């Protein structure tokens, strides 16, 4: 290992442990009014078996758990994913208000990687004239990742953008809301 590569490795590892201010693009929010009641939209969000139908990123393959139990606060569900490679994420529902709000935090399913990740996907449903305002939020302000290479490990700081950039997330989220609208309005 050269002195330069050793210094870079140490810099990355130390930087990954420092606290930092949240950046404006740690949150991506997309919203629209869908002509349907919030309870009907919420049923799609609370059913992990239907997440592949609403996913706008085309990365969700389907639940890995044998049952497709309806989600509730504290519920955990594994989701088969593919974004270049196949992998599984274990999701935990961290916010739940029936018919109005649901959020989950995915983390890698592999036992050794469970302390990493930390992004939050949140859906908020507000009844408005003409239907429901659906707000989807992608929050990576507390995300952490570890990367390995021949010289050692590097820890990505909270908010580190691993695999998904804010612009891509925004486009995928808009497509997700399109899919939800098509499903609930059957158009």
N, C-alpha and C. Protein backbone atom coordinates (compact mmCIF):
# COMPACT_ATOMS: atom_id res chain seq x y z
N UNK A 1 0.85 -1.17 0.00
CA UNK A 1 0.00 0.00 0.00
C UNK A 1 0.89 1.24 0.00
N UNK A 2 0.57 2.16 -0.84
CA UNK A 2 1.37 3.39 -0.92
C UNK A 2 0.95 4.34 0.20
N UNK A 3 1.83 5.26 0.59
CA UNK A 3 1.44 6.23 1.62
C UNK A 3 0.20 7.02 1.22
N UNK A 4 0.07 7.34 -0.09
CA UNK A 4 -1.09 8.10 -0.53
C UNK A 4 -2.38 7.30 -0.35
N UNK A 5 -2.40 6.01 -0.77
CA UNK A 5 -3.62 5.22 -0.65
C UNK A 5 -3.95 4.97 0.82
N UNK A 6 -2.94 4.81 1.68
CA UNK A 6 -3.19 4.63 3.10
C UNK A 6 -3.84 5.89 3.67
N UNK A 7 -3.34 7.05 3.29
CA UNK A 7 -3.90 8.31 3.76
C UNK A 7 -5.33 8.51 3.32
N UNK A 8 -5.62 8.16 2.07
CA UNK A 8 -6.99 8.28 1.56
C UNK A 8 -7.90 7.35 2.34
N UNK A 9 -7.47 6.10 2.57
CA UNK A 9 -8.30 5.16 3.30
C UNK A 9 -8.59 5.70 4.70
N UNK A 10 -7.58 6.20 5.38
CA UNK A 10 -7.80 6.72 6.73
C UNK A 10 -8.71 7.93 6.71
N UNK A 11 -8.57 8.79 5.73
CA UNK A 11 -9.43 9.96 5.62
C UNK A 11 -10.88 9.55 5.45
N UNK A 12 -11.14 8.58 4.56
CA UNK A 12 -12.50 8.14 4.32
C UNK A 12 -13.08 7.51 5.58
N UNK A 13 -12.33 6.67 6.26
CA UNK A 13 -12.82 6.01 7.47
C UNK A 13 -13.14 7.03 8.55
N UNK A 14 -12.28 8.01 8.75
CA UNK A 14 -12.53 9.02 9.77
C UNK A 14 -13.72 9.88 9.39
N UNK A 15 -13.79 10.29 8.13
CA UNK A 15 -14.90 11.15 7.69
C UNK A 15 -16.23 10.46 7.90
N UNK A 16 -16.28 9.14 7.76
CA UNK A 16 -17.53 8.42 7.93
C UNK A 16 -18.03 8.41 9.36
N UNK A 17 -17.20 8.80 10.32
CA UNK A 17 -17.62 8.77 11.71
C UNK A 17 -17.97 10.16 12.24
N UNK A 18 -17.73 11.19 11.44
CA UNK A 18 -17.98 12.55 11.92
C UNK A 18 -19.45 12.94 11.77
N UNK A 19 -19.99 13.69 12.75
CA UNK A 19 -21.35 14.18 12.58
C UNK A 19 -21.36 15.23 11.47
N UNK A 20 -22.49 15.43 10.84
CA UNK A 20 -22.58 16.43 9.79
C UNK A 20 -23.98 17.03 9.75
N UNK A 21 -24.08 18.15 9.09
CA UNK A 21 -25.37 18.80 8.91
C UNK A 21 -26.09 18.10 7.75
N UNK A 22 -27.41 17.98 7.87
CA UNK A 22 -28.19 17.41 6.77
C UNK A 22 -28.13 18.36 5.58
N UNK A 23 -28.04 17.79 4.40
CA UNK A 23 -28.02 18.57 3.17
C UNK A 23 -29.44 18.67 2.62
N UNK A 24 -29.67 19.69 1.82
CA UNK A 24 -30.99 19.90 1.24
C UNK A 24 -31.43 18.70 0.41
N UNK A 25 -30.50 18.06 -0.30
CA UNK A 25 -30.92 16.93 -1.14
C UNK A 25 -30.87 15.59 -0.40
N UNK A 26 -30.78 15.63 0.94
CA UNK A 26 -30.96 14.41 1.73
C UNK A 26 -32.43 14.00 1.73
N UNK A 27 -33.30 14.92 1.39
CA UNK A 27 -34.74 14.66 1.29
C UNK A 27 -35.19 14.94 -0.14
N UNK A 28 -35.90 14.01 -0.71
CA UNK A 28 -36.56 14.23 -1.99
C UNK A 28 -38.04 13.99 -1.73
N UNK A 29 -38.86 14.95 -2.12
CA UNK A 29 -40.30 14.86 -1.88
C UNK A 29 -41.01 15.04 -3.21
N UNK A 30 -41.92 14.12 -3.51
CA UNK A 30 -42.75 14.19 -4.70
C UNK A 30 -44.19 14.03 -4.23
N UNK A 31 -45.07 14.87 -4.74
CA UNK A 31 -46.47 14.74 -4.34
C UNK A 31 -47.38 15.05 -5.51
N UNK A 32 -48.60 14.54 -5.39
CA UNK A 32 -49.64 14.83 -6.37
C UNK A 32 -50.99 14.47 -5.78
N UNK A 33 -52.03 15.02 -6.35
CA UNK A 33 -53.39 14.68 -5.94
C UNK A 33 -53.85 13.53 -6.82
N UNK A 34 -54.30 12.47 -6.16
CA UNK A 34 -54.83 11.28 -6.85
C UNK A 34 -56.33 11.22 -6.54
N UNK A 35 -57.17 11.08 -7.57
CA UNK A 35 -58.62 11.09 -7.36
C UNK A 35 -59.14 9.78 -6.76
N UNK A 36 -58.85 9.57 -5.49
CA UNK A 36 -59.28 8.38 -4.76
C UNK A 36 -59.20 8.70 -3.28
N UNK A 37 -59.98 8.00 -2.45
CA UNK A 37 -59.89 8.24 -1.00
C UNK A 37 -58.58 7.70 -0.43
N UNK A 38 -58.09 8.33 0.65
CA UNK A 38 -56.81 7.89 1.23
C UNK A 38 -56.80 6.43 1.66
N UNK A 39 -57.91 5.93 2.16
CA UNK A 39 -57.96 4.54 2.64
C UNK A 39 -57.69 3.55 1.51
N UNK A 40 -58.17 3.85 0.32
CA UNK A 40 -57.95 2.97 -0.82
C UNK A 40 -56.47 2.97 -1.23
N UNK A 41 -55.86 4.13 -1.26
CA UNK A 41 -54.44 4.24 -1.60
C UNK A 41 -53.59 3.56 -0.53
N UNK A 42 -53.96 3.76 0.73
CA UNK A 42 -53.19 3.20 1.85
C UNK A 42 -53.13 1.68 1.78
N UNK A 43 -54.20 1.05 1.28
CA UNK A 43 -54.21 -0.42 1.18
C UNK A 43 -53.07 -0.93 0.31
N UNK A 44 -52.74 -0.22 -0.76
CA UNK A 44 -51.61 -0.63 -1.61
C UNK A 44 -50.29 -0.47 -0.87
N UNK A 45 -50.18 0.60 -0.08
CA UNK A 45 -48.93 0.87 0.63
C UNK A 45 -48.72 -0.11 1.80
N UNK A 46 -49.81 -0.53 2.43
CA UNK A 46 -49.73 -1.41 3.60
C UNK A 46 -49.63 -2.89 3.23
N UNK A 47 -49.61 -3.19 1.94
CA UNK A 47 -49.52 -4.58 1.48
C UNK A 47 -48.20 -4.79 0.75
N UNK A 48 -47.19 -5.39 1.41
CA UNK A 48 -45.90 -5.58 0.73
C UNK A 48 -46.01 -6.45 -0.53
N UNK A 49 -47.04 -7.27 -0.60
CA UNK A 49 -47.25 -8.11 -1.78
C UNK A 49 -47.55 -7.29 -3.02
N UNK A 50 -48.02 -6.05 -2.85
CA UNK A 50 -48.33 -5.20 -3.99
C UNK A 50 -47.26 -4.17 -4.29
N UNK A 51 -46.18 -4.14 -3.54
CA UNK A 51 -45.16 -3.11 -3.74
C UNK A 51 -44.52 -3.18 -5.12
N UNK A 52 -44.41 -4.38 -5.68
CA UNK A 52 -43.82 -4.47 -7.03
C UNK A 52 -44.71 -3.75 -8.05
N UNK A 53 -46.02 -3.80 -7.85
CA UNK A 53 -46.94 -3.16 -8.80
C UNK A 53 -46.85 -1.64 -8.75
N UNK A 54 -46.49 -1.09 -7.60
CA UNK A 54 -46.44 0.38 -7.49
C UNK A 54 -45.04 0.94 -7.66
N UNK A 55 -44.02 0.10 -7.61
CA UNK A 55 -42.63 0.57 -7.67
C UNK A 55 -42.31 1.25 -9.00
N UNK A 56 -41.88 2.48 -8.95
CA UNK A 56 -41.51 3.23 -10.14
C UNK A 56 -40.05 3.09 -10.54
N UNK A 57 -39.25 2.44 -9.70
CA UNK A 57 -37.81 2.28 -10.00
C UNK A 57 -37.52 0.99 -10.75
N UNK A 58 -38.49 0.10 -10.78
CA UNK A 58 -38.33 -1.23 -11.38
C UNK A 58 -37.24 -2.03 -10.68
N UNK A 59 -37.02 -1.77 -9.39
CA UNK A 59 -36.02 -2.53 -8.64
C UNK A 59 -36.66 -3.53 -7.68
N UNK A 60 -37.93 -3.33 -7.30
CA UNK A 60 -38.61 -4.23 -6.38
C UNK A 60 -39.04 -5.48 -7.14
N UNK A 61 -38.64 -6.63 -6.63
CA UNK A 61 -39.02 -7.91 -7.25
C UNK A 61 -40.17 -8.59 -6.52
N UNK A 62 -40.29 -8.36 -5.24
CA UNK A 62 -41.40 -8.94 -4.48
C UNK A 62 -40.96 -9.35 -3.10
N UNK A 63 -41.94 -9.60 -2.23
CA UNK A 63 -41.61 -9.97 -0.84
C UNK A 63 -40.94 -11.33 -0.77
N UNK A 64 -40.00 -11.46 0.17
CA UNK A 64 -39.30 -12.72 0.39
C UNK A 64 -39.96 -13.54 1.49
N UNK A 65 -40.76 -12.90 2.32
CA UNK A 65 -41.43 -13.60 3.41
C UNK A 65 -42.54 -14.48 2.85
N UNK A 66 -42.82 -15.57 3.53
CA UNK A 66 -43.87 -16.48 3.08
C UNK A 66 -45.24 -15.81 3.13
N UNK A 67 -45.49 -15.02 4.15
CA UNK A 67 -46.79 -14.36 4.26
C UNK A 67 -46.69 -12.93 3.78
N UNK A 68 -47.79 -12.44 3.30
CA UNK A 68 -47.87 -11.05 2.87
C UNK A 68 -48.76 -10.30 3.85
N UNK A 69 -48.44 -10.42 5.14
CA UNK A 69 -49.27 -9.80 6.17
C UNK A 69 -49.33 -8.29 5.96
N UNK A 70 -50.47 -7.73 6.25
CA UNK A 70 -50.64 -6.28 6.16
C UNK A 70 -49.70 -5.62 7.15
N UNK A 71 -49.10 -4.53 6.73
CA UNK A 71 -48.11 -3.85 7.56
C UNK A 71 -48.76 -3.10 8.72
N UNK A 72 -47.97 -2.95 9.78
CA UNK A 72 -48.36 -2.20 10.97
C UNK A 72 -47.08 -1.66 11.60
N UNK A 73 -47.20 -0.81 12.59
CA UNK A 73 -46.02 -0.25 13.23
C UNK A 73 -45.14 -1.36 13.79
N UNK A 74 -43.86 -1.32 13.47
CA UNK A 74 -42.90 -2.32 13.95
C UNK A 74 -42.80 -3.56 13.08
N UNK A 75 -43.70 -3.71 12.10
CA UNK A 75 -43.66 -4.89 11.22
C UNK A 75 -42.37 -4.89 10.42
N UNK A 76 -41.85 -6.09 10.17
CA UNK A 76 -40.66 -6.26 9.34
C UNK A 76 -41.03 -7.12 8.15
N UNK A 77 -40.48 -6.76 7.00
CA UNK A 77 -40.72 -7.55 5.80
C UNK A 77 -39.49 -7.49 4.92
N UNK A 78 -39.16 -8.64 4.34
CA UNK A 78 -38.01 -8.73 3.43
C UNK A 78 -38.49 -8.54 2.01
N UNK A 79 -37.72 -7.78 1.24
CA UNK A 79 -38.08 -7.52 -0.15
C UNK A 79 -36.92 -7.90 -1.05
N UNK A 80 -37.22 -8.76 -2.04
CA UNK A 80 -36.23 -9.10 -3.06
C UNK A 80 -36.12 -7.90 -4.00
N UNK A 81 -34.88 -7.54 -4.31
CA UNK A 81 -34.61 -6.34 -5.11
C UNK A 81 -33.63 -6.70 -6.24
N UNK A 82 -33.59 -5.83 -7.24
CA UNK A 82 -32.55 -5.94 -8.27
C UNK A 82 -32.28 -4.55 -8.81
N UNK A 83 -31.07 -4.11 -8.60
CA UNK A 83 -30.59 -2.85 -9.15
C UNK A 83 -29.17 -3.15 -9.64
N UNK A 84 -29.12 -3.74 -10.82
CA UNK A 84 -27.84 -4.25 -11.33
C UNK A 84 -27.60 -5.67 -10.86
N UNK A 85 -27.62 -5.88 -9.54
CA UNK A 85 -27.47 -7.21 -8.96
C UNK A 85 -28.68 -7.52 -8.09
N UNK A 86 -28.91 -8.78 -7.81
CA UNK A 86 -30.01 -9.18 -6.92
C UNK A 86 -29.55 -9.06 -5.47
N UNK A 87 -30.44 -8.60 -4.61
CA UNK A 87 -30.16 -8.49 -3.19
C UNK A 87 -31.48 -8.47 -2.44
N UNK A 88 -31.42 -8.55 -1.13
CA UNK A 88 -32.62 -8.52 -0.29
C UNK A 88 -32.46 -7.44 0.75
N UNK A 89 -33.54 -6.70 0.97
CA UNK A 89 -33.57 -5.67 2.01
C UNK A 89 -34.61 -6.06 3.05
N UNK A 90 -34.25 -5.89 4.33
CA UNK A 90 -35.20 -6.07 5.42
C UNK A 90 -35.71 -4.69 5.79
N UNK A 91 -37.02 -4.53 5.72
CA UNK A 91 -37.67 -3.25 5.97
C UNK A 91 -38.40 -3.30 7.30
N UNK A 92 -38.33 -2.22 8.05
CA UNK A 92 -39.08 -2.12 9.30
C UNK A 92 -39.98 -0.89 9.23
N UNK A 93 -41.27 -1.10 9.52
CA UNK A 93 -42.22 0.01 9.53
C UNK A 93 -41.94 0.85 10.78
N UNK A 94 -41.56 2.11 10.58
CA UNK A 94 -41.17 2.98 11.69
C UNK A 94 -42.18 4.08 11.96
N UNK A 95 -43.13 4.29 11.04
CA UNK A 95 -44.22 5.26 11.24
C UNK A 95 -45.48 4.62 10.68
N UNK A 96 -46.58 4.76 11.39
CA UNK A 96 -47.82 4.16 10.91
C UNK A 96 -49.00 4.88 11.53
N UNK A 97 -49.80 5.48 10.68
CA UNK A 97 -51.08 6.06 11.09
C UNK A 97 -52.08 5.57 10.06
N UNK A 98 -52.98 4.71 10.48
CA UNK A 98 -53.92 4.05 9.57
C UNK A 98 -54.57 5.03 8.59
N UNK A 99 -54.43 4.72 7.31
CA UNK A 99 -55.05 5.50 6.26
C UNK A 99 -54.40 6.85 5.98
N UNK A 100 -53.35 7.20 6.72
CA UNK A 100 -52.76 8.54 6.56
C UNK A 100 -51.25 8.56 6.36
N UNK A 101 -50.51 7.67 7.03
CA UNK A 101 -49.05 7.78 7.00
C UNK A 101 -48.43 6.41 7.24
N UNK A 102 -47.40 6.12 6.43
CA UNK A 102 -46.63 4.90 6.63
C UNK A 102 -45.20 5.17 6.15
N UNK A 103 -44.24 4.68 6.91
CA UNK A 103 -42.83 4.83 6.53
C UNK A 103 -42.09 3.57 6.95
N UNK A 104 -41.13 3.19 6.12
CA UNK A 104 -40.28 2.05 6.48
C UNK A 104 -38.83 2.38 6.19
N UNK A 105 -37.97 1.69 6.95
CA UNK A 105 -36.52 1.86 6.83
C UNK A 105 -35.94 0.54 6.34
N UNK A 106 -35.43 0.52 5.10
CA UNK A 106 -34.78 -0.70 4.61
C UNK A 106 -33.32 -0.77 5.03
N UNK A 107 -32.89 -1.97 5.33
CA UNK A 107 -31.48 -2.24 5.63
C UNK A 107 -31.12 -3.55 4.92
N UNK A 108 -29.86 -3.74 4.58
CA UNK A 108 -29.47 -5.00 3.96
C UNK A 108 -29.87 -6.19 4.84
N UNK A 109 -30.35 -7.25 4.20
CA UNK A 109 -30.80 -8.43 4.95
C UNK A 109 -29.62 -9.24 5.49
N UNK A 110 -28.46 -9.14 4.87
CA UNK A 110 -27.30 -9.92 5.31
C UNK A 110 -26.95 -9.53 6.75
N UNK A 111 -26.79 -10.52 7.61
CA UNK A 111 -26.56 -10.29 9.04
C UNK A 111 -25.41 -9.31 9.31
N UNK A 112 -24.31 -9.44 8.60
CA UNK A 112 -23.15 -8.58 8.86
C UNK A 112 -23.35 -7.14 8.38
N UNK A 113 -24.37 -6.89 7.58
CA UNK A 113 -24.56 -5.55 7.03
C UNK A 113 -25.77 -4.82 7.62
N UNK A 114 -26.46 -5.43 8.59
CA UNK A 114 -27.71 -4.85 9.10
C UNK A 114 -27.57 -3.51 9.80
N UNK A 115 -26.37 -3.16 10.25
CA UNK A 115 -26.23 -1.86 10.92
C UNK A 115 -26.03 -0.74 9.92
N UNK A 116 -26.02 -1.06 8.64
CA UNK A 116 -25.83 -0.04 7.62
C UNK A 116 -27.14 0.24 6.90
N UNK A 117 -27.12 1.20 6.02
CA UNK A 117 -28.34 1.65 5.36
C UNK A 117 -28.96 2.73 6.23
N UNK A 118 -30.26 2.79 6.25
CA UNK A 118 -30.94 3.75 7.12
C UNK A 118 -31.82 4.76 6.41
N UNK A 119 -31.91 4.67 5.08
CA UNK A 119 -32.82 5.59 4.39
C UNK A 119 -34.25 5.30 4.82
N UNK A 120 -35.10 6.25 4.62
CA UNK A 120 -36.52 6.09 4.98
C UNK A 120 -37.37 6.41 3.75
N UNK A 121 -38.33 5.54 3.48
CA UNK A 121 -39.35 5.80 2.46
C UNK A 121 -40.63 6.09 3.23
N UNK A 122 -41.23 7.24 2.96
CA UNK A 122 -42.42 7.68 3.71
C UNK A 122 -43.51 8.08 2.72
N UNK A 123 -44.75 7.71 3.07
CA UNK A 123 -45.93 8.12 2.30
C UNK A 123 -46.89 8.78 3.27
N UNK A 124 -47.32 9.99 2.90
CA UNK A 124 -48.31 10.72 3.69
C UNK A 124 -49.51 10.98 2.79
N UNK A 125 -50.69 10.71 3.32
CA UNK A 125 -51.93 10.84 2.55
C UNK A 125 -52.83 11.87 3.23
N UNK A 126 -53.18 12.93 2.50
CA UNK A 126 -54.04 13.98 3.05
C UNK A 126 -55.26 14.14 2.15
N UNK A 127 -56.46 13.96 2.72
CA UNK A 127 -57.66 14.18 1.91
C UNK A 127 -57.75 15.66 1.49
N UNK A 128 -58.01 15.88 0.22
CA UNK A 128 -58.18 17.22 -0.32
C UNK A 128 -59.34 17.18 -1.31
N UNK A 129 -59.79 18.36 -1.71
CA UNK A 129 -60.84 18.40 -2.72
C UNK A 129 -60.36 17.69 -3.98
N UNK A 130 -61.13 16.76 -4.46
CA UNK A 130 -60.77 16.03 -5.67
C UNK A 130 -60.01 14.74 -5.42
N UNK A 131 -59.76 14.39 -4.16
CA UNK A 131 -59.08 13.14 -3.89
C UNK A 131 -58.14 13.19 -2.70
N UNK A 132 -56.93 12.71 -2.90
CA UNK A 132 -55.94 12.60 -1.82
C UNK A 132 -54.61 13.15 -2.31
N UNK A 133 -54.02 14.04 -1.52
CA UNK A 133 -52.66 14.46 -1.81
C UNK A 133 -51.74 13.36 -1.27
N UNK A 134 -51.00 12.73 -2.16
CA UNK A 134 -50.05 11.68 -1.80
C UNK A 134 -48.66 12.29 -1.86
N UNK A 135 -47.96 12.23 -0.74
CA UNK A 135 -46.61 12.79 -0.64
C UNK A 135 -45.66 11.63 -0.33
N UNK A 136 -44.72 11.40 -1.24
CA UNK A 136 -43.71 10.37 -1.02
C UNK A 136 -42.40 11.08 -0.71
N UNK A 137 -41.71 10.62 0.34
CA UNK A 137 -40.44 11.21 0.77
C UNK A 137 -39.36 10.15 0.80
N UNK A 138 -38.21 10.50 0.26
CA UNK A 138 -36.98 9.69 0.31
C UNK A 138 -36.02 10.46 1.20
N UNK A 139 -35.69 9.89 2.34
CA UNK A 139 -34.87 10.57 3.35
C UNK A 139 -33.61 9.76 3.60
N UNK A 140 -32.46 10.31 3.21
CA UNK A 140 -31.20 9.59 3.43
C UNK A 140 -30.32 10.31 4.45
N UNK A 141 -30.92 11.16 5.26
CA UNK A 141 -30.13 11.96 6.19
C UNK A 141 -29.39 11.12 7.24
N UNK A 142 -29.82 9.90 7.47
CA UNK A 142 -29.16 9.04 8.47
C UNK A 142 -28.59 7.77 7.86
N UNK A 143 -28.41 7.77 6.55
CA UNK A 143 -27.91 6.59 5.86
C UNK A 143 -26.42 6.38 6.10
N UNK A 144 -26.00 5.12 6.27
CA UNK A 144 -24.59 4.76 6.43
C UNK A 144 -24.33 3.51 5.58
N UNK A 145 -23.14 3.49 4.97
CA UNK A 145 -22.72 2.32 4.20
C UNK A 145 -21.26 2.03 4.47
N UNK A 146 -20.88 0.79 4.32
CA UNK A 146 -19.48 0.39 4.40
C UNK A 146 -19.10 -0.23 3.07
N UNK A 147 -17.95 0.14 2.58
CA UNK A 147 -17.46 -0.41 1.33
C UNK A 147 -16.13 -1.10 1.58
N UNK A 148 -15.92 -2.20 0.91
CA UNK A 148 -14.64 -2.89 1.05
C UNK A 148 -13.85 -2.81 -0.24
N UNK A 149 -12.56 -2.80 -0.12
CA UNK A 149 -11.67 -2.92 -1.27
C UNK A 149 -10.40 -3.56 -0.78
N UNK A 150 -9.49 -3.81 -1.65
CA UNK A 150 -8.29 -4.57 -1.30
C UNK A 150 -7.52 -3.96 -0.13
N UNK A 151 -7.57 -2.65 0.05
CA UNK A 151 -6.80 -2.00 1.10
C UNK A 151 -7.53 -1.92 2.43
N UNK A 152 -8.81 -2.27 2.51
CA UNK A 152 -9.53 -2.18 3.78
C UNK A 152 -10.97 -1.76 3.58
N UNK A 153 -11.52 -1.08 4.57
CA UNK A 153 -12.92 -0.67 4.54
C UNK A 153 -13.03 0.84 4.54
N UNK A 154 -14.09 1.36 3.95
CA UNK A 154 -14.40 2.79 4.02
C UNK A 154 -15.84 2.90 4.50
N UNK A 155 -16.09 3.79 5.40
CA UNK A 155 -17.44 3.99 5.91
C UNK A 155 -18.02 5.22 5.25
N UNK A 156 -19.18 5.08 4.63
CA UNK A 156 -19.86 6.24 4.05
C UNK A 156 -20.58 7.00 5.15
N UNK A 157 -20.44 8.29 5.16
CA UNK A 157 -21.06 9.13 6.18
C UNK A 157 -22.57 9.12 6.02
N UNK A 158 -23.32 9.49 7.07
CA UNK A 158 -24.77 9.63 6.91
C UNK A 158 -25.06 10.52 5.71
N UNK A 159 -26.08 10.16 4.96
CA UNK A 159 -26.44 10.91 3.77
C UNK A 159 -25.64 10.52 2.54
N UNK A 160 -24.71 9.56 2.67
CA UNK A 160 -23.92 9.12 1.53
C UNK A 160 -24.85 8.50 0.49
N UNK A 161 -24.77 8.94 -0.73
CA UNK A 161 -25.67 8.47 -1.79
C UNK A 161 -25.14 7.20 -2.41
N UNK A 162 -25.59 6.06 -1.92
CA UNK A 162 -25.16 4.77 -2.43
C UNK A 162 -26.21 4.25 -3.40
N UNK A 163 -25.84 4.05 -4.63
CA UNK A 163 -26.65 3.45 -5.69
C UNK A 163 -27.70 4.39 -6.26
N UNK A 164 -28.32 5.25 -5.50
CA UNK A 164 -29.41 6.06 -6.02
C UNK A 164 -29.10 7.54 -5.80
N UNK A 165 -29.15 8.29 -6.85
CA UNK A 165 -28.94 9.74 -6.79
C UNK A 165 -30.30 10.42 -6.62
N UNK A 166 -30.34 11.61 -6.03
CA UNK A 166 -31.61 12.30 -5.82
C UNK A 166 -32.44 12.47 -7.10
N UNK A 167 -31.80 12.77 -8.22
CA UNK A 167 -32.54 12.96 -9.47
C UNK A 167 -33.22 11.66 -9.91
N UNK A 168 -32.51 10.56 -9.76
CA UNK A 168 -33.09 9.27 -10.12
C UNK A 168 -34.22 8.90 -9.15
N UNK A 169 -34.00 9.18 -7.87
CA UNK A 169 -35.05 8.91 -6.88
C UNK A 169 -36.31 9.71 -7.22
N UNK A 170 -36.16 10.98 -7.56
CA UNK A 170 -37.30 11.84 -7.88
C UNK A 170 -38.09 11.27 -9.07
N UNK A 171 -37.39 10.86 -10.12
CA UNK A 171 -38.06 10.29 -11.30
C UNK A 171 -38.78 8.99 -10.95
N UNK A 172 -38.13 8.15 -10.17
CA UNK A 172 -38.75 6.87 -9.76
C UNK A 172 -39.96 7.11 -8.88
N UNK A 173 -39.87 8.10 -8.00
CA UNK A 173 -40.99 8.41 -7.12
C UNK A 173 -42.19 8.93 -7.91
N UNK A 174 -41.94 9.76 -8.91
CA UNK A 174 -43.03 10.26 -9.77
C UNK A 174 -43.69 9.08 -10.49
N UNK A 175 -42.88 8.13 -10.97
CA UNK A 175 -43.43 6.94 -11.62
C UNK A 175 -44.23 6.09 -10.64
N UNK A 176 -43.77 6.01 -9.38
CA UNK A 176 -44.52 5.27 -8.36
C UNK A 176 -45.91 5.89 -8.17
N UNK A 177 -45.97 7.20 -8.09
CA UNK A 177 -47.28 7.85 -7.93
C UNK A 177 -48.15 7.64 -9.16
N UNK A 178 -47.55 7.60 -10.36
CA UNK A 178 -48.30 7.24 -11.57
C UNK A 178 -48.91 5.85 -11.43
N UNK A 179 -48.11 4.90 -10.98
CA UNK A 179 -48.58 3.51 -10.83
C UNK A 179 -49.71 3.43 -9.81
N UNK A 180 -49.55 4.12 -8.68
CA UNK A 180 -50.61 4.11 -7.66
C UNK A 180 -51.89 4.67 -8.24
N UNK A 181 -51.78 5.79 -8.95
CA UNK A 181 -52.99 6.39 -9.53
C UNK A 181 -53.66 5.44 -10.51
N UNK A 182 -52.89 4.79 -11.38
CA UNK A 182 -53.48 3.84 -12.34
C UNK A 182 -54.17 2.69 -11.62
N UNK A 183 -53.57 2.19 -10.56
CA UNK A 183 -54.15 1.06 -9.83
C UNK A 183 -55.45 1.45 -9.12
N UNK A 184 -55.45 2.60 -8.47
CA UNK A 184 -56.67 2.95 -7.69
C UNK A 184 -57.78 3.53 -8.56
N UNK A 185 -57.43 4.07 -9.72
CA UNK A 185 -58.48 4.60 -10.60
C UNK A 185 -58.80 3.63 -11.72
N UNK A 186 -58.01 2.56 -11.82
CA UNK A 186 -58.18 1.51 -12.84
C UNK A 186 -58.17 2.06 -14.25
N UNK A 187 -57.26 3.05 -14.50
CA UNK A 187 -57.18 3.62 -15.85
C UNK A 187 -55.94 3.15 -16.56
